[in-house]
Amino acid sequence: MEEVRRLWLQALEDLKTAEILLKVGRYYASVFFAQQAAEKALKALYIHLKRELPPHTHNLLELLRSLGVDREDLVDAAADLTPEYIVTRYPNAAGGVPAELYNERSAREHLEKARLIVDYCGEVLGGGRSG
């Protein structure tokens, strides 16, 4: 299905963007793109497996549950990444300036969690690993 391919390729691009932003010290933006990579990978997997559009949500836990995935490492990664689609962008959601809330360590941790989810989706999709 074409939508699966588009979402998957964009997930990989978002993951690369997160890596680049981490390297240049734009940590909050790196975390945002890491979350987006995981979300798009899960939505690609959802369409691939269910042959229907995924729920309109940014909640990675909800997407995992709807796919019947209960692997603890993936659930933990999804729980940590889910709020970042909004916290990284809006001061009122972050309780401060998002750009000031993240450092290299936290951005790297979020990137690894996103990579875990993307790699899982790639293995199920047959598209391999992200890196």
N, C-alpha and C. Protein backbone atom coordinates (compact mmCIF):
# COMPACT_ATOMS: atom_id res chain seq x y z
N MET A 1 0.85 -1.18 0.00
CA MET A 1 0.00 0.00 0.00
C MET A 1 0.90 1.24 0.00
N GLU A 2 0.55 2.18 -0.83
CA GLU A 2 1.37 3.38 -1.00
C GLU A 2 1.51 4.20 0.29
N GLU A 3 0.46 4.29 1.06
CA GLU A 3 0.52 5.07 2.30
C GLU A 3 1.52 4.47 3.29
N VAL A 4 1.61 3.16 3.33
CA VAL A 4 2.60 2.50 4.19
C VAL A 4 4.00 2.93 3.77
N ARG A 5 4.28 2.88 2.49
CA ARG A 5 5.60 3.25 1.99
C ARG A 5 5.93 4.70 2.31
N ARG A 6 4.98 5.58 2.08
CA ARG A 6 5.23 7.01 2.35
C ARG A 6 5.48 7.27 3.83
N LEU A 7 4.65 6.70 4.69
CA LEU A 7 4.84 6.89 6.13
C LEU A 7 6.18 6.30 6.58
N TRP A 8 6.51 5.13 6.08
CA TRP A 8 7.76 4.48 6.47
C TRP A 8 8.97 5.31 6.05
N LEU A 9 8.97 5.76 4.80
CA LEU A 9 10.11 6.57 4.32
C LEU A 9 10.22 7.88 5.09
N GLN A 10 9.08 8.49 5.42
CA GLN A 10 9.14 9.73 6.19
C GLN A 10 9.59 9.47 7.62
N ALA A 11 9.22 8.33 8.18
CA ALA A 11 9.71 7.97 9.52
C ALA A 11 11.23 7.89 9.52
N LEU A 12 11.79 7.27 8.49
CA LEU A 12 13.25 7.17 8.39
C LEU A 12 13.89 8.54 8.23
N GLU A 13 13.26 9.41 7.45
CA GLU A 13 13.77 10.78 7.28
C GLU A 13 13.69 11.55 8.59
N ASP A 14 12.59 11.40 9.31
CA ASP A 14 12.45 12.08 10.60
C ASP A 14 13.51 11.60 11.58
N LEU A 15 13.82 10.31 11.55
CA LEU A 15 14.86 9.78 12.43
C LEU A 15 16.23 10.39 12.07
N LYS A 16 16.52 10.48 10.78
CA LYS A 16 17.77 11.11 10.35
C LYS A 16 17.82 12.58 10.77
N THR A 17 16.69 13.26 10.65
CA THR A 17 16.62 14.67 11.06
C THR A 17 16.88 14.80 12.55
N ALA A 18 16.31 13.90 13.34
CA ALA A 18 16.56 13.92 14.79
C ALA A 18 18.04 13.74 15.09
N GLU A 19 18.70 12.86 14.34
CA GLU A 19 20.14 12.64 14.53
C GLU A 19 20.94 13.90 14.21
N ILE A 20 20.61 14.55 13.11
CA ILE A 20 21.30 15.78 12.71
C ILE A 20 21.10 16.88 13.75
N LEU A 21 19.87 17.05 14.19
CA LEU A 21 19.56 18.08 15.18
C LEU A 21 20.28 17.81 16.50
N LEU A 22 20.41 16.56 16.87
CA LEU A 22 21.18 16.21 18.07
C LEU A 22 22.62 16.66 17.92
N LYS A 23 23.20 16.38 16.76
CA LYS A 23 24.61 16.72 16.53
C LYS A 23 24.87 18.22 16.58
N VAL A 24 23.89 19.02 16.17
CA VAL A 24 24.09 20.48 16.15
C VAL A 24 23.54 21.16 17.40
N GLY A 25 23.11 20.38 18.38
CA GLY A 25 22.70 20.94 19.66
C GLY A 25 21.30 21.50 19.72
N ARG A 26 20.45 21.15 18.79
CA ARG A 26 19.04 21.55 18.83
C ARG A 26 18.26 20.40 19.45
N TYR A 27 18.44 20.28 20.76
CA TYR A 27 17.97 19.09 21.45
C TYR A 27 16.45 18.96 21.47
N TYR A 28 15.74 20.05 21.74
CA TYR A 28 14.28 19.97 21.78
C TYR A 28 13.72 19.55 20.42
N ALA A 29 14.30 20.07 19.35
CA ALA A 29 13.84 19.73 18.01
C ALA A 29 14.19 18.28 17.67
N SER A 30 15.34 17.82 18.13
CA SER A 30 15.72 16.43 17.94
C SER A 30 14.70 15.51 18.59
N VAL A 31 14.28 15.85 19.80
CA VAL A 31 13.29 15.03 20.51
C VAL A 31 11.96 15.03 19.76
N PHE A 32 11.55 16.19 19.24
CA PHE A 32 10.31 16.26 18.48
C PHE A 32 10.37 15.32 17.27
N PHE A 33 11.44 15.40 16.50
CA PHE A 33 11.54 14.55 15.31
C PHE A 33 11.69 13.08 15.66
N ALA A 34 12.29 12.78 16.80
CA ALA A 34 12.36 11.39 17.26
C ALA A 34 10.95 10.86 17.51
N GLN A 35 10.14 11.66 18.20
CA GLN A 35 8.75 11.25 18.46
C GLN A 35 8.00 11.06 17.15
N GLN A 36 8.19 11.98 16.22
CA GLN A 36 7.51 11.89 14.93
C GLN A 36 7.92 10.64 14.15
N ALA A 37 9.19 10.30 14.21
CA ALA A 37 9.67 9.09 13.53
C ALA A 37 8.97 7.85 14.08
N ALA A 38 8.89 7.76 15.40
CA ALA A 38 8.22 6.61 16.02
C ALA A 38 6.74 6.57 15.65
N GLU A 39 6.10 7.72 15.69
CA GLU A 39 4.67 7.78 15.38
C GLU A 39 4.40 7.34 13.93
N LYS A 40 5.17 7.86 13.00
CA LYS A 40 4.95 7.52 11.59
C LYS A 40 5.27 6.05 11.31
N ALA A 41 6.29 5.53 11.96
CA ALA A 41 6.61 4.11 11.80
C ALA A 41 5.47 3.24 12.31
N LEU A 42 4.93 3.58 13.47
CA LEU A 42 3.82 2.81 14.02
C LEU A 42 2.57 2.91 13.15
N LYS A 43 2.33 4.08 12.59
CA LYS A 43 1.16 4.24 11.72
C LYS A 43 1.34 3.46 10.42
N ALA A 44 2.57 3.42 9.90
CA ALA A 44 2.83 2.60 8.72
C ALA A 44 2.57 1.13 9.03
N LEU A 45 3.04 0.69 10.18
CA LEU A 45 2.84 -0.70 10.59
C LEU A 45 1.35 -1.00 10.77
N TYR A 46 0.64 -0.07 11.37
CA TYR A 46 -0.80 -0.24 11.59
C TYR A 46 -1.52 -0.48 10.25
N ILE A 47 -1.24 0.38 9.28
CA ILE A 47 -1.88 0.24 7.97
C ILE A 47 -1.49 -1.08 7.32
N HIS A 48 -0.23 -1.43 7.43
CA HIS A 48 0.27 -2.68 6.85
C HIS A 48 -0.44 -3.90 7.43
N LEU A 49 -0.60 -3.92 8.74
CA LEU A 49 -1.18 -5.09 9.40
C LEU A 49 -2.71 -5.10 9.37
N LYS A 50 -3.32 -3.94 9.53
CA LYS A 50 -4.78 -3.88 9.67
C LYS A 50 -5.50 -3.55 8.37
N ARG A 51 -4.76 -3.07 7.39
CA ARG A 51 -5.34 -2.69 6.10
C ARG A 51 -6.43 -1.63 6.25
N GLU A 52 -6.20 -0.72 7.19
CA GLU A 52 -7.08 0.43 7.38
C GLU A 52 -6.27 1.57 7.97
N LEU A 53 -6.82 2.76 7.89
CA LEU A 53 -6.10 3.91 8.43
C LEU A 53 -6.02 3.82 9.95
N PRO A 54 -4.92 4.29 10.51
CA PRO A 54 -4.76 4.24 11.97
C PRO A 54 -5.66 5.26 12.65
N PRO A 55 -5.87 5.10 13.94
CA PRO A 55 -6.64 6.11 14.67
C PRO A 55 -5.92 7.46 14.59
N HIS A 56 -6.70 8.52 14.62
CA HIS A 56 -6.12 9.87 14.59
C HIS A 56 -5.64 10.20 16.01
N THR A 57 -4.40 9.83 16.27
CA THR A 57 -3.83 10.03 17.60
C THR A 57 -2.33 10.23 17.50
N HIS A 58 -1.79 10.89 18.51
CA HIS A 58 -0.33 11.01 18.65
C HIS A 58 0.15 10.11 19.78
N ASN A 59 -0.77 9.36 20.36
CA ASN A 59 -0.46 8.51 21.51
C ASN A 59 0.17 7.20 21.04
N LEU A 60 1.46 7.09 21.23
CA LEU A 60 2.18 5.90 20.77
C LEU A 60 1.77 4.65 21.54
N LEU A 61 1.41 4.81 22.80
CA LEU A 61 0.91 3.66 23.57
C LEU A 61 -0.39 3.13 22.99
N GLU A 62 -1.27 4.03 22.61
CA GLU A 62 -2.53 3.63 22.00
C GLU A 62 -2.28 2.88 20.69
N LEU A 63 -1.34 3.37 19.91
CA LEU A 63 -1.02 2.69 18.65
C LEU A 63 -0.45 1.30 18.91
N LEU A 64 0.47 1.19 19.86
CA LEU A 64 1.03 -0.13 20.20
C LEU A 64 -0.05 -1.09 20.65
N ARG A 65 -0.91 -0.62 21.55
CA ARG A 65 -1.99 -1.48 22.07
C ARG A 65 -2.92 -1.93 20.95
N SER A 66 -3.23 -1.01 20.04
CA SER A 66 -4.14 -1.37 18.95
C SER A 66 -3.52 -2.41 18.01
N LEU A 67 -2.19 -2.52 18.05
CA LEU A 67 -1.48 -3.54 17.27
C LEU A 67 -1.23 -4.81 18.07
N GLY A 68 -1.63 -4.81 19.34
CA GLY A 68 -1.42 -5.98 20.19
C GLY A 68 0.02 -6.15 20.64
N VAL A 69 0.79 -5.08 20.62
CA VAL A 69 2.19 -5.14 21.02
C VAL A 69 2.29 -4.81 22.50
N ASP A 70 2.89 -5.71 23.27
CA ASP A 70 3.04 -5.47 24.70
C ASP A 70 4.47 -5.68 25.19
N ARG A 71 5.41 -5.65 24.27
CA ARG A 71 6.82 -5.79 24.65
C ARG A 71 7.21 -4.64 25.55
N GLU A 72 7.75 -4.96 26.72
CA GLU A 72 8.00 -3.95 27.75
C GLU A 72 8.91 -2.82 27.28
N ASP A 73 9.97 -3.14 26.54
CA ASP A 73 10.88 -2.08 26.09
C ASP A 73 10.19 -1.13 25.12
N LEU A 74 9.32 -1.65 24.27
CA LEU A 74 8.59 -0.80 23.34
C LEU A 74 7.54 0.04 24.05
N VAL A 75 6.86 -0.56 25.01
CA VAL A 75 5.86 0.17 25.79
C VAL A 75 6.52 1.30 26.57
N ASP A 76 7.65 1.03 27.20
CA ASP A 76 8.38 2.07 27.94
C ASP A 76 8.82 3.20 27.02
N ALA A 77 9.34 2.83 25.85
CA ALA A 77 9.79 3.85 24.89
C ALA A 77 8.61 4.70 24.43
N ALA A 78 7.49 4.05 24.14
CA ALA A 78 6.30 4.78 23.69
C ALA A 78 5.79 5.71 24.77
N ALA A 79 5.81 5.26 26.02
CA ALA A 79 5.34 6.09 27.13
C ALA A 79 6.21 7.34 27.28
N ASP A 80 7.50 7.18 27.10
CA ASP A 80 8.41 8.33 27.23
C ASP A 80 8.30 9.29 26.05
N LEU A 81 8.07 8.77 24.87
CA LEU A 81 8.02 9.61 23.67
C LEU A 81 6.68 10.30 23.46
N THR A 82 5.59 9.69 23.89
CA THR A 82 4.26 10.21 23.57
C THR A 82 4.06 11.68 23.88
N PRO A 83 4.38 12.18 25.06
CA PRO A 83 4.10 13.59 25.34
C PRO A 83 4.97 14.57 24.55
N GLU A 84 6.03 14.09 23.94
CA GLU A 84 6.99 15.00 23.32
C GLU A 84 6.47 15.68 22.06
N TYR A 85 5.42 15.15 21.45
CA TYR A 85 4.90 15.82 20.26
C TYR A 85 4.36 17.21 20.60
N ILE A 86 3.99 17.42 21.85
CA ILE A 86 3.47 18.73 22.24
C ILE A 86 4.42 19.48 23.17
N VAL A 87 5.05 18.77 24.10
CA VAL A 87 5.93 19.42 25.08
C VAL A 87 7.11 20.11 24.40
N THR A 88 7.61 19.52 23.32
CA THR A 88 8.77 20.10 22.63
C THR A 88 8.43 21.37 21.87
N ARG A 89 7.15 21.67 21.71
CA ARG A 89 6.77 22.81 20.86
C ARG A 89 6.09 23.95 21.58
N TYR A 90 5.44 23.68 22.70
CA TYR A 90 4.61 24.70 23.31
C TYR A 90 5.04 25.00 24.75
N PRO A 91 5.41 26.25 25.02
CA PRO A 91 5.83 26.61 26.39
C PRO A 91 4.76 26.31 27.44
N ASN A 92 3.50 26.51 27.11
CA ASN A 92 2.46 26.24 28.12
C ASN A 92 2.37 24.75 28.44
N ALA A 93 2.63 23.90 27.48
CA ALA A 93 2.63 22.45 27.73
C ALA A 93 3.90 22.02 28.45
N ALA A 94 4.99 22.73 28.18
CA ALA A 94 6.29 22.38 28.76
C ALA A 94 6.49 22.96 30.15
N GLY A 95 5.70 23.96 30.49
CA GLY A 95 5.92 24.65 31.76
C GLY A 95 7.20 25.47 31.72
N GLY A 96 7.59 25.87 30.55
CA GLY A 96 8.81 26.65 30.34
C GLY A 96 9.13 26.70 28.86
N VAL A 97 10.31 27.15 28.55
CA VAL A 97 10.74 27.23 27.16
C VAL A 97 11.25 25.85 26.73
N PRO A 98 10.60 25.21 25.76
CA PRO A 98 11.03 23.87 25.37
C PRO A 98 12.52 23.79 25.03
N ALA A 99 13.04 24.79 24.37
CA ALA A 99 14.46 24.77 23.98
C ALA A 99 15.40 24.72 25.18
N GLU A 100 14.90 25.09 26.35
CA GLU A 100 15.73 25.09 27.56
C GLU A 100 15.57 23.82 28.40
N LEU A 101 14.65 22.96 28.03
CA LEU A 101 14.33 21.80 28.86
C LEU A 101 15.10 20.53 28.52
N TYR A 102 15.76 20.52 27.38
CA TYR A 102 16.43 19.30 26.91
C TYR A 102 17.92 19.53 26.82
N ASN A 103 18.67 18.46 27.06
CA ASN A 103 20.12 18.51 26.91
C ASN A 103 20.55 17.34 26.03
N GLU A 104 21.84 17.24 25.81
CA GLU A 104 22.34 16.19 24.92
C GLU A 104 21.95 14.80 25.39
N ARG A 105 22.07 14.57 26.69
CA ARG A 105 21.74 13.25 27.23
C ARG A 105 20.27 12.90 27.01
N SER A 106 19.38 13.84 27.33
CA SER A 106 17.95 13.53 27.18
C SER A 106 17.57 13.37 25.71
N ALA A 107 18.15 14.18 24.84
CA ALA A 107 17.86 14.04 23.41
C ALA A 107 18.37 12.70 22.88
N ARG A 108 19.55 12.30 23.32
CA ARG A 108 20.11 11.02 22.88
C ARG A 108 19.23 9.85 23.36
N GLU A 109 18.75 9.94 24.60
CA GLU A 109 17.88 8.89 25.14
C GLU A 109 16.58 8.79 24.34
N HIS A 110 15.99 9.94 24.02
CA HIS A 110 14.76 9.93 23.23
C HIS A 110 15.01 9.37 21.83
N LEU A 111 16.14 9.72 21.26
CA LEU A 111 16.48 9.20 19.93
C LEU A 111 16.62 7.68 19.95
N GLU A 112 17.25 7.16 20.98
CA GLU A 112 17.41 5.70 21.08
C GLU A 112 16.06 5.01 21.26
N LYS A 113 15.16 5.63 22.01
CA LYS A 113 13.82 5.06 22.19
C LYS A 113 13.06 5.06 20.87
N ALA A 114 13.18 6.15 20.13
CA ALA A 114 12.53 6.20 18.82
C ALA A 114 13.12 5.16 17.89
N ARG A 115 14.45 5.01 17.91
CA ARG A 115 15.10 4.03 17.05
C ARG A 115 14.62 2.61 17.38
N LEU A 116 14.41 2.33 18.66
CA LEU A 116 13.90 1.02 19.07
C LEU A 116 12.55 0.74 18.41
N ILE A 117 11.66 1.72 18.45
CA ILE A 117 10.33 1.55 17.86
C ILE A 117 10.42 1.46 16.34
N VAL A 118 11.20 2.33 15.74
CA VAL A 118 11.35 2.32 14.28
C VAL A 118 11.95 0.99 13.82
N ASP A 119 12.96 0.51 14.52
CA ASP A 119 13.58 -0.76 14.15
C ASP A 119 12.58 -1.92 14.27
N TYR A 120 11.79 -1.92 15.33
CA TYR A 120 10.77 -2.96 15.48
C TYR A 120 9.80 -2.93 14.29
N CYS A 121 9.32 -1.75 13.98
CA CYS A 121 8.38 -1.61 12.86
C CYS A 121 9.03 -2.07 11.56
N GLY A 122 10.27 -1.69 11.36
CA GLY A 122 10.99 -2.09 10.15
C GLY A 122 11.13 -3.59 10.02
N GLU A 123 11.39 -4.24 11.13
CA GLU A 123 11.52 -5.70 11.10
C GLU A 123 10.20 -6.36 10.72
N VAL A 124 9.10 -5.86 11.28
CA VAL A 124 7.79 -6.43 10.97
C VAL A 124 7.39 -6.11 9.52
N LEU A 125 7.71 -4.90 9.09
CA LEU A 125 7.38 -4.49 7.72
C LEU A 125 8.28 -5.15 6.68
N GLY A 126 9.40 -5.69 7.14
CA GLY A 126 10.35 -6.26 6.20
C GLY A 126 11.30 -5.24 5.62
N GLY A 127 11.31 -4.05 6.23
CA GLY A 127 12.15 -2.96 5.72
C GLY A 127 13.48 -2.85 6.42
N GLY A 128 13.76 -3.75 7.34
CA GLY A 128 15.04 -3.74 8.02
C GLY A 128 15.12 -2.73 9.13
N ARG A 129 16.37 -2.50 9.56
CA ARG A 129 16.63 -1.61 10.68
C ARG A 129 16.90 -0.20 10.18
N SER A 130 16.82 0.77 11.09
CA SER A 130 16.95 2.18 10.73
C SER A 130 18.37 2.61 10.46
N GLY A 131 19.33 1.95 11.02
CA GLY A 131 20.69 2.45 10.87
C GLY A 131 21.63 1.36 10.74
